[in-house]
Amino acid sequence: MGTINDTEAVAGSLARASFTVFHPVHTIRCTGARIYRSQAARDLACLLDVDRDVVSWECMPKPLEVRGRPHVPDFGMVDPDGRLWLLDAPDRHGVVDEKAVESAAAEAGGSYRLVSRREVYGGYRLKNARDLLRYGGYNARLGDRIRLLAALDEQGSLTLAECMCAIRETQPIAGIAVLILGGFIEVDLDSGPLGPETVVRRIRA
């Protein structure tokens, strides 16, 4: 009976999460359905989308068996080395047995992290990530991309305000945001809120 009840509890949690919309709605590196357990989980996902050390991530991966009970991590994340990380948002601190979940994740071939509140909410990165992801549904036109990258090749770096002059076929802020999210250009997300003086540089493979 315990197994049946546990399975039903997991299914119920997934169903409740699927009906809840957390903002921003757009994602960049998410594979599969966008289902978040809580706003804290959605906030962590925003950071995954702007982390260059994240190749892809998925919501609520396959449950782990932790001391005979199922535990569904908030995310499964793949890094550039192909390593699988199972992540939980900071609102699970004091709720999950971190050591037990680490052991279960290792048995499943992955690594586990219970992300700290400071990592998610400290500094400016989350605010900047959320601002950028508002434009995740846009596309930057080819002409805009070529003009901006050529200008950065010539100048080395430009401010956000200067970059807007190169974006003519797309809404300027949306075009720049999409190019940042797509890995064509980069800005410092940690030193302060994004603004007209923020320095933009080209990312080279």
C-alpha atoms as a PDB file:
ATOM      1  CA  MET A   1       0.000   0.000   0.000  1.00  0.00           C
ATOM      2  CA  GLY A   2       2.867   2.357   0.749  1.00  0.00           C
ATOM      3  CA  THR A   3       4.189   2.109  -2.789  1.00  0.00           C
ATOM      4  CA  ILE A   4       0.737   2.836  -4.238  1.00  0.00           C
ATOM      5  CA  ASN A   5       0.247   5.797  -1.917  1.00  0.00           C
ATOM      6  CA  ASP A   6       3.719   7.157  -2.734  1.00  0.00           C
ATOM      7  CA  THR A   7       3.075   6.855  -6.472  1.00  0.00           C
ATOM      8  CA  GLU A   8      -0.241   8.632  -6.111  1.00  0.00           C
ATOM      9  CA  ALA A   9       1.415  11.403  -4.064  1.00  0.00           C
ATOM     10  CA  VAL A  10       4.054  11.971  -6.766  1.00  0.00           C
ATOM     11  CA  ALA A  11       1.389  12.000  -9.489  1.00  0.00           C
ATOM     12  CA  GLY A  12      -0.697  14.455  -7.465  1.00  0.00           C
ATOM     13  CA  SER A  13       2.252  16.799  -6.991  1.00  0.00           C
ATOM     14  CA  LEU A  14       2.985  16.770 -10.725  1.00  0.00           C
ATOM     15  CA  ALA A  15      -0.654  17.445 -11.548  1.00  0.00           C
ATOM     16  CA  ARG A  16      -0.854  20.411  -9.152  1.00  0.00           C
ATOM     17  CA  ALA A  17       2.360  21.884 -10.511  1.00  0.00           C
ATOM     18  CA  SER A  18       1.172  21.544 -14.118  1.00  0.00           C
ATOM     19  CA  PHE A  19      -1.780  23.854 -13.453  1.00  0.00           C
ATOM     20  CA  THR A  20       0.286  26.598 -11.818  1.00  0.00           C
ATOM     21  CA  VAL A  21       1.891  29.280 -13.995  1.00  0.00           C
ATOM     22  CA  PHE A  22       5.089  30.834 -12.673  1.00  0.00           C
ATOM     23  CA  HIS A  23       6.726  33.816 -14.340  1.00  0.00           C
ATOM     24  CA  PRO A  24       8.613  34.444 -16.516  1.00  0.00           C
ATOM     25  CA  VAL A  25       7.067  31.811 -18.773  1.00  0.00           C
ATOM     26  CA  HIS A  26       9.793  31.556 -21.419  1.00  0.00           C
ATOM     27  CA  THR A  27      12.774  29.213 -21.142  1.00  0.00           C
ATOM     28  CA  ILE A  28      15.892  28.718 -23.262  1.00  0.00           C
ATOM     29  CA  ARG A  29      17.556  25.427 -22.315  1.00  0.00           C
ATOM     30  CA  CYS A  30      14.612  23.517 -20.885  1.00  0.00           C
ATOM     31  CA  THR A  31      13.815  20.150 -22.448  1.00  0.00           C
ATOM     32  CA  GLY A  32      10.344  18.761 -21.949  1.00  0.00           C
ATOM     33  CA  ALA A  33       7.390  20.190 -20.051  1.00  0.00           C
ATOM     34  CA  ARG A  34       7.833  23.332 -17.969  1.00  0.00           C
ATOM     35  CA  ILE A  35       6.398  22.256 -14.609  1.00  0.00           C
ATOM     36  CA  TYR A  36       7.589  23.953 -11.435  1.00  0.00           C
ATOM     37  CA  ARG A  37       6.894  22.876  -7.892  1.00  0.00           C
ATOM     38  CA  SER A  38       7.117  26.426  -6.510  1.00  0.00           C
ATOM     39  CA  GLN A  39       8.179  29.988  -7.313  1.00  0.00           C
ATOM     40  CA  ALA A  40      11.541  29.230  -5.715  1.00  0.00           C
ATOM     41  CA  ALA A  41      11.995  26.394  -8.211  1.00  0.00           C
ATOM     42  CA  ARG A  42      11.075  28.730 -11.072  1.00  0.00           C
ATOM     43  CA  ASP A  43      13.595  31.278  -9.796  1.00  0.00           C
ATOM     44  CA  LEU A  44      16.331  28.640  -9.784  1.00  0.00           C
ATOM     45  CA  ALA A  45      15.379  27.682 -13.345  1.00  0.00           C
ATOM     46  CA  CYS A  46      15.887  31.298 -14.442  1.00  0.00           C
ATOM     47  CA  LEU A  47      19.483  31.042 -13.281  1.00  0.00           C
ATOM     48  CA  LEU A  48      19.999  27.774 -15.151  1.00  0.00           C
ATOM     49  CA  ASP A  49      19.015  29.514 -18.398  1.00  0.00           C
ATOM     50  CA  VAL A  50      21.734  32.172 -18.052  1.00  0.00           C
ATOM     51  CA  ASP A  51      24.499  29.870 -16.804  1.00  0.00           C
ATOM     52  CA  ARG A  52      27.005  29.037 -19.538  1.00  0.00           C
ATOM     53  CA  ASP A  53      27.963  25.879 -17.630  1.00  0.00           C
ATOM     54  CA  VAL A  54      24.454  24.475 -18.196  1.00  0.00           C
ATOM     55  CA  VAL A  55      23.861  22.594 -21.448  1.00  0.00           C
ATOM     56  CA  SER A  56      20.238  21.656 -20.763  1.00  0.00           C
ATOM     57  CA  TRP A  57      17.815  21.136 -17.910  1.00  0.00           C
ATOM     58  CA  GLU A  58      14.466  19.470 -17.319  1.00  0.00           C
ATOM     59  CA  CYS A  59      11.739  19.902 -14.730  1.00  0.00           C
ATOM     60  CA  MET A  60      10.885  17.214 -12.206  1.00  0.00           C
ATOM     61  CA  PRO A  61      12.984  14.314 -13.537  1.00  0.00           C
ATOM     62  CA  LYS A  62      12.513  10.663 -12.648  1.00  0.00           C
ATOM     63  CA  PRO A  63      11.957  10.184  -8.890  1.00  0.00           C
ATOM     64  CA  LEU A  64      14.749   8.930  -6.673  1.00  0.00           C
ATOM     65  CA  GLU A  65      14.107   6.276  -4.079  1.00  0.00           C
ATOM     66  CA  VAL A  66      15.191   7.785  -0.777  1.00  0.00           C
ATOM     67  CA  ARG A  67      14.892   5.462   2.210  1.00  0.00           C
ATOM     68  CA  GLY A  68      12.018   3.641   0.584  1.00  0.00           C
ATOM     69  CA  ARG A  69      10.128   6.776  -0.425  1.00  0.00           C
ATOM     70  CA  PRO A  70      10.105   8.656  -3.748  1.00  0.00           C
ATOM     71  CA  HIS A  71      11.733  12.053  -4.007  1.00  0.00           C
ATOM     72  CA  VAL A  72      11.262  14.099  -7.183  1.00  0.00           C
ATOM     73  CA  PRO A  73      14.092  16.648  -7.590  1.00  0.00           C
ATOM     74  CA  ASP A  74      13.102  20.013  -8.959  1.00  0.00           C
ATOM     75  CA  PHE A  75      15.502  19.731 -11.904  1.00  0.00           C
ATOM     76  CA  GLY A  76      17.804  17.453 -13.803  1.00  0.00           C
ATOM     77  CA  MET A  77      20.668  19.470 -15.305  1.00  0.00           C
ATOM     78  CA  VAL A  78      23.427  18.424 -17.724  1.00  0.00           C
ATOM     79  CA  ASP A  79      26.790  20.226 -17.612  1.00  0.00           C
ATOM     80  CA  PRO A  80      29.327  20.587 -20.481  1.00  0.00           C
ATOM     81  CA  ASP A  81      31.070  17.368 -19.391  1.00  0.00           C
ATOM     82  CA  GLY A  82      27.823  15.424 -19.780  1.00  0.00           C
ATOM     83  CA  ARG A  83      27.438  15.020 -16.032  1.00  0.00           C
ATOM     84  CA  LEU A  84      23.897  14.823 -14.645  1.00  0.00           C
ATOM     85  CA  TRP A  85      23.061  17.048 -11.683  1.00  0.00           C
ATOM     86  CA  LEU A  86      19.822  16.700  -9.728  1.00  0.00           C
ATOM     87  CA  LEU A  87      18.913  20.017  -8.119  1.00  0.00           C
ATOM     88  CA  ASP A  88      16.423  21.179  -5.509  1.00  0.00           C
ATOM     89  CA  ALA A  89      15.407  24.799  -4.916  1.00  0.00           C
ATOM     90  CA  PRO A  90      16.249  26.509  -1.610  1.00  0.00           C
ATOM     91  CA  ASP A  91      12.710  26.230  -0.196  1.00  0.00           C
ATOM     92  CA  ARG A  92      13.462  22.538   0.378  1.00  0.00           C
ATOM     93  CA  HIS A  93      16.115  23.296   2.992  1.00  0.00           C
ATOM     94  CA  GLY A  94      15.014  21.681   6.243  1.00  0.00           C
ATOM     95  CA  VAL A  95      12.490  19.533   4.358  1.00  0.00           C
ATOM     96  CA  VAL A  96      14.618  16.967   2.515  1.00  0.00           C
ATOM     97  CA  ASP A  97      17.358  14.767   3.945  1.00  0.00           C
ATOM     98  CA  GLU A  98      20.231  16.147   1.868  1.00  0.00           C
ATOM     99  CA  LYS A  99      22.699  13.347   2.599  1.00  0.00           C
ATOM    100  CA  ALA A 100      20.156  10.635   1.861  1.00  0.00           C
ATOM    101  CA  VAL A 101      19.190  12.262  -1.446  1.00  0.00           C
ATOM    102  CA  GLU A 102      22.881  12.641  -2.368  1.00  0.00           C
ATOM    103  CA  SER A 103      23.358   8.917  -1.839  1.00  0.00           C
ATOM    104  CA  ALA A 104      20.265   8.056  -3.898  1.00  0.00           C
ATOM    105  CA  ALA A 105      21.385  10.349  -6.714  1.00  0.00           C
ATOM    106  CA  ALA A 106      24.826   8.721  -6.789  1.00  0.00           C
ATOM    107  CA  GLU A 107      23.205   5.295  -7.068  1.00  0.00           C
ATOM    108  CA  ALA A 108      21.176   6.618 -10.021  1.00  0.00           C
ATOM    109  CA  GLY A 109      24.348   7.857 -11.753  1.00  0.00           C
ATOM    110  CA  GLY A 110      24.036  11.555 -10.938  1.00  0.00           C
ATOM    111  CA  SER A 111      25.092  14.181  -8.426  1.00  0.00           C
ATOM    112  CA  TYR A 112      22.758  16.097  -6.118  1.00  0.00           C
ATOM    113  CA  ARG A 113      22.744  19.669  -4.874  1.00  0.00           C
ATOM    114  CA  LEU A 114      20.311  21.459  -2.598  1.00  0.00           C
ATOM    115  CA  VAL A 115      20.893  25.009  -3.820  1.00  0.00           C
ATOM    116  CA  SER A 116      21.226  27.662  -1.134  1.00  0.00           C
ATOM    117  CA  ARG A 117      18.958  30.661  -0.846  1.00  0.00           C
ATOM    118  CA  ARG A 118      21.960  32.964  -1.169  1.00  0.00           C
ATOM    119  CA  GLU A 119      22.903  31.420  -4.535  1.00  0.00           C
ATOM    120  CA  VAL A 120      19.446  32.165  -5.929  1.00  0.00           C
ATOM    121  CA  TYR A 121      18.503  35.436  -4.237  1.00  0.00           C
ATOM    122  CA  GLY A 122      21.828  37.052  -3.422  1.00  0.00           C
ATOM    123  CA  GLY A 123      22.955  39.835  -5.737  1.00  0.00           C
ATOM    124  CA  TYR A 124      21.514  40.948  -9.073  1.00  0.00           C
ATOM    125  CA  ARG A 125      21.727  37.821 -11.229  1.00  0.00           C
ATOM    126  CA  LEU A 126      18.151  36.611 -10.679  1.00  0.00           C
ATOM    127  CA  LYS A 127      16.612  40.009 -11.388  1.00  0.00           C
ATOM    128  CA  ASN A 128      18.653  40.373 -14.573  1.00  0.00           C
ATOM    129  CA  ALA A 129      17.848  36.821 -15.657  1.00  0.00           C
ATOM    130  CA  ARG A 130      14.128  37.406 -15.155  1.00  0.00           C
ATOM    131  CA  ASP A 131      14.311  40.656 -17.148  1.00  0.00           C
ATOM    132  CA  LEU A 132      16.044  38.900 -20.041  1.00  0.00           C
ATOM    133  CA  LEU A 133      13.716  35.891 -20.059  1.00  0.00           C
ATOM    134  CA  ARG A 134      10.695  38.137 -20.565  1.00  0.00           C
ATOM    135  CA  TYR A 135      11.933  38.336 -24.156  1.00  0.00           C
ATOM    136  CA  GLY A 136      12.645  34.634 -24.535  1.00  0.00           C
ATOM    137  CA  GLY A 137       9.850  34.213 -27.065  1.00  0.00           C
ATOM    138  CA  TYR A 138      11.332  36.724 -29.527  1.00  0.00           C
ATOM    139  CA  ASN A 139      13.662  36.050 -32.458  1.00  0.00           C
ATOM    140  CA  ALA A 140      16.519  38.325 -33.490  1.00  0.00           C
ATOM    141  CA  ARG A 141      16.565  38.976 -37.238  1.00  0.00           C
ATOM    142  CA  LEU A 142      19.671  37.914 -39.137  1.00  0.00           C
ATOM    143  CA  GLY A 143      20.452  41.476 -40.221  1.00  0.00           C
ATOM    144  CA  ASP A 144      20.330  42.713 -36.623  1.00  0.00           C
ATOM    145  CA  ARG A 145      22.629  39.931 -35.457  1.00  0.00           C
ATOM    146  CA  ILE A 146      25.167  40.578 -38.198  1.00  0.00           C
ATOM    147  CA  ARG A 147      25.173  44.347 -37.625  1.00  0.00           C
ATOM    148  CA  LEU A 148      25.627  44.038 -33.889  1.00  0.00           C
ATOM    149  CA  LEU A 149      28.326  41.359 -34.038  1.00  0.00           C
ATOM    150  CA  ALA A 150      30.204  43.334 -36.704  1.00  0.00           C
ATOM    151  CA  ALA A 151      30.064  46.451 -34.536  1.00  0.00           C
ATOM    152  CA  LEU A 152      31.401  44.502 -31.558  1.00  0.00           C
ATOM    153  CA  ASP A 153      34.184  43.050 -33.716  1.00  0.00           C
ATOM    154  CA  GLU A 154      35.165  46.579 -34.692  1.00  0.00           C
ATOM    155  CA  GLN A 155      34.841  48.242 -31.298  1.00  0.00           C
ATOM    156  CA  GLY A 156      35.645  45.373 -28.948  1.00  0.00           C
ATOM    157  CA  SER A 157      32.784  46.289 -26.624  1.00  0.00           C
ATOM    158  CA  LEU A 158      29.750  48.564 -26.600  1.00  0.00           C
ATOM    159  CA  THR A 159      27.233  49.717 -24.034  1.00  0.00           C
ATOM    160  CA  LEU A 160      23.672  48.447 -24.155  1.00  0.00           C
ATOM    161  CA  ALA A 161      22.559  51.910 -25.283  1.00  0.00           C
ATOM    162  CA  GLU A 162      25.046  51.830 -28.175  1.00  0.00           C
ATOM    163  CA  CYS A 163      23.970  48.300 -29.152  1.00  0.00           C
ATOM    164  CA  MET A 164      20.393  49.467 -29.587  1.00  0.00           C
ATOM    165  CA  CYS A 165      21.475  51.532 -32.601  1.00  0.00           C
ATOM    166  CA  ALA A 166      22.441  48.328 -34.453  1.00  0.00           C
ATOM    167  CA  ILE A 167      19.054  46.656 -33.901  1.00  0.00           C
ATOM    168  CA  ARG A 168      16.741  47.906 -36.652  1.00  0.00           C
ATOM    169  CA  GLU A 169      14.531  44.971 -37.663  1.00  0.00           C
ATOM    170  CA  THR A 170      13.567  43.753 -34.195  1.00  0.00           C
ATOM    171  CA  GLN A 171      12.379  45.543 -31.078  1.00  0.00           C
ATOM    172  CA  PRO A 172      15.819  46.719 -29.809  1.00  0.00           C
ATOM    173  CA  ILE A 173      15.707  45.480 -26.223  1.00  0.00           C
ATOM    174  CA  ALA A 174      14.118  42.200 -27.277  1.00  0.00           C
ATOM    175  CA  GLY A 175      16.745  41.666 -29.971  1.00  0.00           C
ATOM    176  CA  ILE A 176      19.619  42.298 -27.578  1.00  0.00           C
ATOM    177  CA  ALA A 177      18.079  40.090 -24.874  1.00  0.00           C
ATOM    178  CA  VAL A 178      17.634  37.197 -27.312  1.00  0.00           C
ATOM    179  CA  LEU A 179      21.257  37.475 -28.448  1.00  0.00           C
ATOM    180  CA  ILE A 180      22.408  37.404 -24.818  1.00  0.00           C
ATOM    181  CA  LEU A 181      20.228  34.381 -24.053  1.00  0.00           C
ATOM    182  CA  GLY A 182      21.357  32.676 -27.258  1.00  0.00           C
ATOM    183  CA  GLY A 183      25.023  32.935 -26.358  1.00  0.00           C
ATOM    184  CA  PHE A 184      26.084  35.407 -29.072  1.00  0.00           C
ATOM    185  CA  ILE A 185      26.903  38.277 -26.722  1.00  0.00           C
ATOM    186  CA  GLU A 186      27.472  38.608 -22.993  1.00  0.00           C
ATOM    187  CA  VAL A 187      26.948  41.108 -20.198  1.00  0.00           C
ATOM    188  CA  ASP A 188      27.853  41.091 -16.518  1.00  0.00           C
ATOM    189  CA  LEU A 189      24.731  39.890 -14.715  1.00  0.00           C
ATOM    190  CA  ASP A 190      26.220  40.194 -11.235  1.00  0.00           C
ATOM    191  CA  SER A 191      27.605  43.693 -10.786  1.00  0.00           C
ATOM    192  CA  GLY A 192      24.302  45.573 -10.956  1.00  0.00           C
ATOM    193  CA  PRO A 193      20.949  45.892 -12.727  1.00  0.00           C
ATOM    194  CA  LEU A 194      21.172  45.943 -16.513  1.00  0.00           C
ATOM    195  CA  GLY A 195      21.113  49.524 -17.776  1.00  0.00           C
ATOM    196  CA  PRO A 196      22.185  51.745 -20.670  1.00  0.00           C
ATOM    197  CA  GLU A 197      25.808  51.782 -19.466  1.00  0.00           C
ATOM    198  CA  THR A 198      26.091  47.996 -19.150  1.00  0.00           C
ATOM    199  CA  VAL A 199      29.039  46.745 -21.232  1.00  0.00           C
ATOM    200  CA  VAL A 200      28.324  44.205 -23.986  1.00  0.00           C
ATOM    201  CA  ARG A 201      30.944  41.886 -25.497  1.00  0.00           C
ATOM    202  CA  ARG A 202      30.844  39.245 -28.180  1.00  0.00           C
ATOM    203  CA  ILE A 203      31.121  35.578 -27.174  1.00  0.00           C
ATOM    204  CA  ARG A 204      33.496  33.614 -29.368  1.00  0.00           C
ATOM    205  CA  ALA A 205      33.389  29.846 -29.658  1.00  0.00           C
END
